[in-house]
């Protein structure tokens, strides 16, 4: 009978640590998932771009005005200035920039260039062409293009 009472006592007594074990297992699983997620983020996150080269302004080179025939019979009188970088050994010759401007604008209608949005859009394209034309051995010699005269007739 003493044995039966002992068995009943153990059966009736609540299991010790049942909730604690569950909480500890959940905590371990959550920490493991969090660590795995963070590791995956670090592994698959896009790598930062190479340090953007900060260009230092050099000389400003004003170019002569050029008159460009537009596709619809109108004319564009364009005068621009090039902002050279400090990497330019000397003031760059403007002929490449003028050639880029003529090739860009000669196939356009005046309607495209009359709006501010159109002017800025094509200024950005011209700037990209000029920077490519004046890049020597991956060294950019020109950093910006400014319109000083932009007249459509």
C-alpha atoms as a PDB file:
ATOM      1  CA  UNK A   1       0.000   0.000   0.000  1.00  0.00           C
ATOM      2  CA  UNK A   2       2.840   2.359   0.667  1.00  0.00           C
ATOM      3  CA  UNK A   3       4.053   1.678  -2.801  1.00  0.00           C
ATOM      4  CA  UNK A   4       0.647   2.521  -4.270  1.00  0.00           C
ATOM      5  CA  UNK A   5       0.546   5.808  -2.401  1.00  0.00           C
ATOM      6  CA  UNK A   6       3.998   6.672  -3.654  1.00  0.00           C
ATOM      7  CA  UNK A   7       2.965   5.956  -7.247  1.00  0.00           C
ATOM      8  CA  UNK A   8      -0.150   8.099  -6.863  1.00  0.00           C
ATOM      9  CA  UNK A   9       1.908  10.950  -5.441  1.00  0.00           C
ATOM     10  CA  UNK A  10       4.263  10.911  -8.402  1.00  0.00           C
ATOM     11  CA  UNK A  11       1.385  10.667 -10.859  1.00  0.00           C
ATOM     12  CA  UNK A  12      -0.483  13.554  -9.265  1.00  0.00           C
ATOM     13  CA  UNK A  13       2.548  15.807  -8.855  1.00  0.00           C
ATOM     14  CA  UNK A  14       2.950  18.151 -11.818  1.00  0.00           C
ATOM     15  CA  UNK A  15       5.998  17.599 -13.966  1.00  0.00           C
ATOM     16  CA  UNK A  16       8.684  20.006 -12.914  1.00  0.00           C
ATOM     17  CA  UNK A  17      10.296  22.153 -15.597  1.00  0.00           C
ATOM     18  CA  UNK A  18       7.854  21.334 -18.386  1.00  0.00           C
ATOM     19  CA  UNK A  19       7.079  24.981 -19.124  1.00  0.00           C
ATOM     20  CA  UNK A  20      10.648  26.051 -18.499  1.00  0.00           C
ATOM     21  CA  UNK A  21      11.943  23.538 -21.038  1.00  0.00           C
ATOM     22  CA  UNK A  22       9.424  24.728 -23.614  1.00  0.00           C
ATOM     23  CA  UNK A  23      10.337  28.382 -23.051  1.00  0.00           C
ATOM     24  CA  UNK A  24      14.067  27.616 -23.258  1.00  0.00           C
ATOM     25  CA  UNK A  25      13.647  25.607 -26.454  1.00  0.00           C
ATOM     26  CA  UNK A  26      11.583  28.403 -28.022  1.00  0.00           C
ATOM     27  CA  UNK A  27      14.172  30.990 -26.980  1.00  0.00           C
ATOM     28  CA  UNK A  28      17.001  28.925 -28.491  1.00  0.00           C
ATOM     29  CA  UNK A  29      15.052  28.436 -31.724  1.00  0.00           C
ATOM     30  CA  UNK A  30      14.265  32.168 -31.957  1.00  0.00           C
ATOM     31  CA  UNK A  31      17.893  33.138 -31.347  1.00  0.00           C
ATOM     32  CA  UNK A  32      19.046  30.620 -33.971  1.00  0.00           C
ATOM     33  CA  UNK A  33      16.518  31.916 -36.513  1.00  0.00           C
ATOM     34  CA  UNK A  34      17.459  35.514 -35.775  1.00  0.00           C
ATOM     35  CA  UNK A  35      21.163  34.756 -36.164  1.00  0.00           C
ATOM     36  CA  UNK A  36      20.541  32.840 -39.375  1.00  0.00           C
ATOM     37  CA  UNK A  37      18.428  35.663 -40.768  1.00  0.00           C
ATOM     38  CA  UNK A  38      21.078  38.242 -39.929  1.00  0.00           C
ATOM     39  CA  UNK A  39      23.806  36.057 -41.439  1.00  0.00           C
ATOM     40  CA  UNK A  40      21.741  35.605 -44.588  1.00  0.00           C
ATOM     41  CA  UNK A  41      21.168  39.341 -44.794  1.00  0.00           C
ATOM     42  CA  UNK A  42      24.891  40.009 -44.565  1.00  0.00           C
ATOM     43  CA  UNK A  43      25.690  37.315 -47.098  1.00  0.00           C
ATOM     44  CA  UNK A  44      23.103  38.258 -49.719  1.00  0.00           C
ATOM     45  CA  UNK A  45      22.783  42.000 -49.185  1.00  0.00           C
ATOM     46  CA  UNK A  46      24.049  44.083 -52.104  1.00  0.00           C
ATOM     47  CA  UNK A  47      27.633  45.066 -51.669  1.00  0.00           C
ATOM     48  CA  UNK A  48      28.253  48.786 -51.323  1.00  0.00           C
ATOM     49  CA  UNK A  49      29.334  50.391 -54.567  1.00  0.00           C
ATOM     50  CA  UNK A  50      32.945  51.281 -54.926  1.00  0.00           C
ATOM     51  CA  UNK A  51      33.695  54.546 -53.256  1.00  0.00           C
ATOM     52  CA  UNK A  52      32.328  57.263 -55.471  1.00  0.00           C
ATOM     53  CA  UNK A  53      35.158  59.316 -56.783  1.00  0.00           C
ATOM     54  CA  UNK A  54      34.748  62.838 -55.525  1.00  0.00           C
ATOM     55  CA  UNK A  55      35.703  65.195 -58.306  1.00  0.00           C
ATOM     56  CA  UNK A  56      37.388  68.472 -57.482  1.00  0.00           C
ATOM     57  CA  UNK A  57      36.571  71.414 -59.715  1.00  0.00           C
ATOM     58  CA  UNK A  58      39.343  72.776 -61.867  1.00  0.00           C
ATOM     59  CA  UNK A  59      39.315  75.471 -64.518  1.00  0.00           C
ATOM     60  CA  UNK A  60      36.161  76.665 -66.272  1.00  0.00           C
ATOM     61  CA  UNK A  61      36.490  76.629 -70.064  1.00  0.00           C
ATOM     62  CA  UNK A  62      34.065  78.837 -72.021  1.00  0.00           C
ATOM     63  CA  UNK A  63      33.438  77.680 -75.590  1.00  0.00           C
ATOM     64  CA  UNK A  64      32.517  79.742 -78.622  1.00  0.00           C
ATOM     65  CA  UNK A  65      28.876  79.899 -79.642  1.00  0.00           C
ATOM     66  CA  UNK A  66      27.759  77.438 -82.283  1.00  0.00           C
ATOM     67  CA  UNK A  67      24.632  77.553 -84.463  1.00  0.00           C
ATOM     68  CA  UNK A  68      23.066  74.146 -85.037  1.00  0.00           C
ATOM     69  CA  UNK A  69      20.455  73.347 -87.713  1.00  0.00           C
ATOM     70  CA  UNK A  70      17.563  71.500 -86.097  1.00  0.00           C
ATOM     71  CA  UNK A  71      15.576  68.803 -87.913  1.00  0.00           C
ATOM     72  CA  UNK A  72      12.473  70.991 -88.363  1.00  0.00           C
ATOM     73  CA  UNK A  73      14.261  73.902 -90.046  1.00  0.00           C
ATOM     74  CA  UNK A  74      14.820  75.993 -86.922  1.00  0.00           C
ATOM     75  CA  UNK A  75      18.213  76.941 -85.523  1.00  0.00           C
ATOM     76  CA  UNK A  76      19.723  76.516 -82.081  1.00  0.00           C
ATOM     77  CA  UNK A  77      22.348  78.993 -80.984  1.00  0.00           C
ATOM     78  CA  UNK A  78      24.266  77.276 -78.211  1.00  0.00           C
ATOM     79  CA  UNK A  79      27.100  78.565 -76.116  1.00  0.00           C
ATOM     80  CA  UNK A  80      28.352  76.432 -73.276  1.00  0.00           C
ATOM     81  CA  UNK A  81      31.024  76.268 -70.644  1.00  0.00           C
ATOM     82  CA  UNK A  82      32.874  73.161 -69.493  1.00  0.00           C
ATOM     83  CA  UNK A  83      33.768  72.622 -65.842  1.00  0.00           C
ATOM     84  CA  UNK A  84      37.069  70.762 -65.878  1.00  0.00           C
ATOM     85  CA  UNK A  85      38.319  68.646 -62.996  1.00  0.00           C
ATOM     86  CA  UNK A  86      41.597  69.162 -61.233  1.00  0.00           C
ATOM     87  CA  UNK A  87      42.858  66.041 -63.053  1.00  0.00           C
ATOM     88  CA  UNK A  88      42.871  67.871 -66.390  1.00  0.00           C
ATOM     89  CA  UNK A  89      46.499  68.642 -67.156  1.00  0.00           C
ATOM     90  CA  UNK A  90      45.539  71.779 -69.070  1.00  0.00           C
ATOM     91  CA  UNK A  91      42.374  73.524 -70.168  1.00  0.00           C
ATOM     92  CA  UNK A  92      40.663  71.025 -72.481  1.00  0.00           C
ATOM     93  CA  UNK A  93      40.066  71.815 -76.139  1.00  0.00           C
ATOM     94  CA  UNK A  94      36.345  72.369 -76.709  1.00  0.00           C
ATOM     95  CA  UNK A  95      36.101  70.700 -80.107  1.00  0.00           C
ATOM     96  CA  UNK A  96      34.963  67.335 -78.700  1.00  0.00           C
ATOM     97  CA  UNK A  97      32.216  69.026 -76.679  1.00  0.00           C
ATOM     98  CA  UNK A  98      31.014  71.047 -79.676  1.00  0.00           C
ATOM     99  CA  UNK A  99      30.978  67.902 -81.809  1.00  0.00           C
ATOM    100  CA  UNK A 100      28.917  66.095 -79.161  1.00  0.00           C
ATOM    101  CA  UNK A 101      26.455  69.007 -79.038  1.00  0.00           C
ATOM    102  CA  UNK A 102      26.071  69.128 -82.816  1.00  0.00           C
ATOM    103  CA  UNK A 103      25.525  65.376 -83.099  1.00  0.00           C
ATOM    104  CA  UNK A 104      22.989  65.414 -80.256  1.00  0.00           C
ATOM    105  CA  UNK A 105      20.912  68.456 -81.223  1.00  0.00           C
ATOM    106  CA  UNK A 106      20.984  68.316 -85.052  1.00  0.00           C
ATOM    107  CA  UNK A 107      18.410  65.501 -85.219  1.00  0.00           C
ATOM    108  CA  UNK A 108      15.902  67.171 -82.874  1.00  0.00           C
ATOM    109  CA  UNK A 109      12.824  69.285 -83.413  1.00  0.00           C
ATOM    110  CA  UNK A 110      12.617  72.671 -81.748  1.00  0.00           C
ATOM    111  CA  UNK A 111       9.488  71.524 -79.870  1.00  0.00           C
ATOM    112  CA  UNK A 112      11.587  69.034 -77.899  1.00  0.00           C
ATOM    113  CA  UNK A 113      13.939  71.782 -76.756  1.00  0.00           C
ATOM    114  CA  UNK A 114      11.424  74.526 -75.950  1.00  0.00           C
ATOM    115  CA  UNK A 115      10.360  73.099 -72.581  1.00  0.00           C
ATOM    116  CA  UNK A 116      12.509  73.236 -69.469  1.00  0.00           C
ATOM    117  CA  UNK A 117      12.177  69.471 -69.075  1.00  0.00           C
ATOM    118  CA  UNK A 118      13.394  68.888 -72.628  1.00  0.00           C
ATOM    119  CA  UNK A 119      16.299  71.279 -72.224  1.00  0.00           C
ATOM    120  CA  UNK A 120      17.412  69.625 -68.972  1.00  0.00           C
ATOM    121  CA  UNK A 121      16.934  66.118 -70.378  1.00  0.00           C
ATOM    122  CA  UNK A 122      19.185  66.837 -73.340  1.00  0.00           C
ATOM    123  CA  UNK A 123      21.648  68.753 -71.189  1.00  0.00           C
ATOM    124  CA  UNK A 124      22.073  65.593 -69.112  1.00  0.00           C
ATOM    125  CA  UNK A 125      22.617  63.551 -72.281  1.00  0.00           C
ATOM    126  CA  UNK A 126      25.120  66.111 -73.560  1.00  0.00           C
ATOM    127  CA  UNK A 127      26.949  66.075 -70.231  1.00  0.00           C
ATOM    128  CA  UNK A 128      27.237  62.270 -70.367  1.00  0.00           C
ATOM    129  CA  UNK A 129      28.593  62.390 -73.940  1.00  0.00           C
ATOM    130  CA  UNK A 130      31.091  65.123 -73.065  1.00  0.00           C
ATOM    131  CA  UNK A 131      32.330  63.310 -69.954  1.00  0.00           C
ATOM    132  CA  UNK A 132      32.875  60.141 -72.009  1.00  0.00           C
ATOM    133  CA  UNK A 133      34.686  62.121 -74.715  1.00  0.00           C
ATOM    134  CA  UNK A 134      37.023  63.715 -72.174  1.00  0.00           C
ATOM    135  CA  UNK A 135      37.767  60.623 -70.077  1.00  0.00           C
ATOM    136  CA  UNK A 136      41.376  59.539 -70.502  1.00  0.00           C
ATOM    137  CA  UNK A 137      42.654  56.363 -68.818  1.00  0.00           C
ATOM    138  CA  UNK A 138      39.585  56.319 -66.552  1.00  0.00           C
ATOM    139  CA  UNK A 139      40.402  59.855 -65.387  1.00  0.00           C
ATOM    140  CA  UNK A 140      37.524  62.267 -65.920  1.00  0.00           C
ATOM    141  CA  UNK A 141      38.723  65.618 -67.180  1.00  0.00           C
ATOM    142  CA  UNK A 142      35.264  67.235 -67.366  1.00  0.00           C
ATOM    143  CA  UNK A 143      32.729  67.155 -64.555  1.00  0.00           C
ATOM    144  CA  UNK A 144      29.906  69.397 -65.787  1.00  0.00           C
ATOM    145  CA  UNK A 145      28.482  71.312 -68.742  1.00  0.00           C
ATOM    146  CA  UNK A 146      26.725  74.663 -68.393  1.00  0.00           C
ATOM    147  CA  UNK A 147      24.582  76.408 -71.007  1.00  0.00           C
ATOM    148  CA  UNK A 148      25.455  80.089 -71.192  1.00  0.00           C
ATOM    149  CA  UNK A 149      23.352  80.777 -74.301  1.00  0.00           C
ATOM    150  CA  UNK A 150      20.457  78.640 -75.527  1.00  0.00           C
ATOM    151  CA  UNK A 151      18.358  80.367 -78.191  1.00  0.00           C
ATOM    152  CA  UNK A 152      16.014  78.712 -80.680  1.00  0.00           C
ATOM    153  CA  UNK A 153      14.984  80.641 -83.813  1.00  0.00           C
END
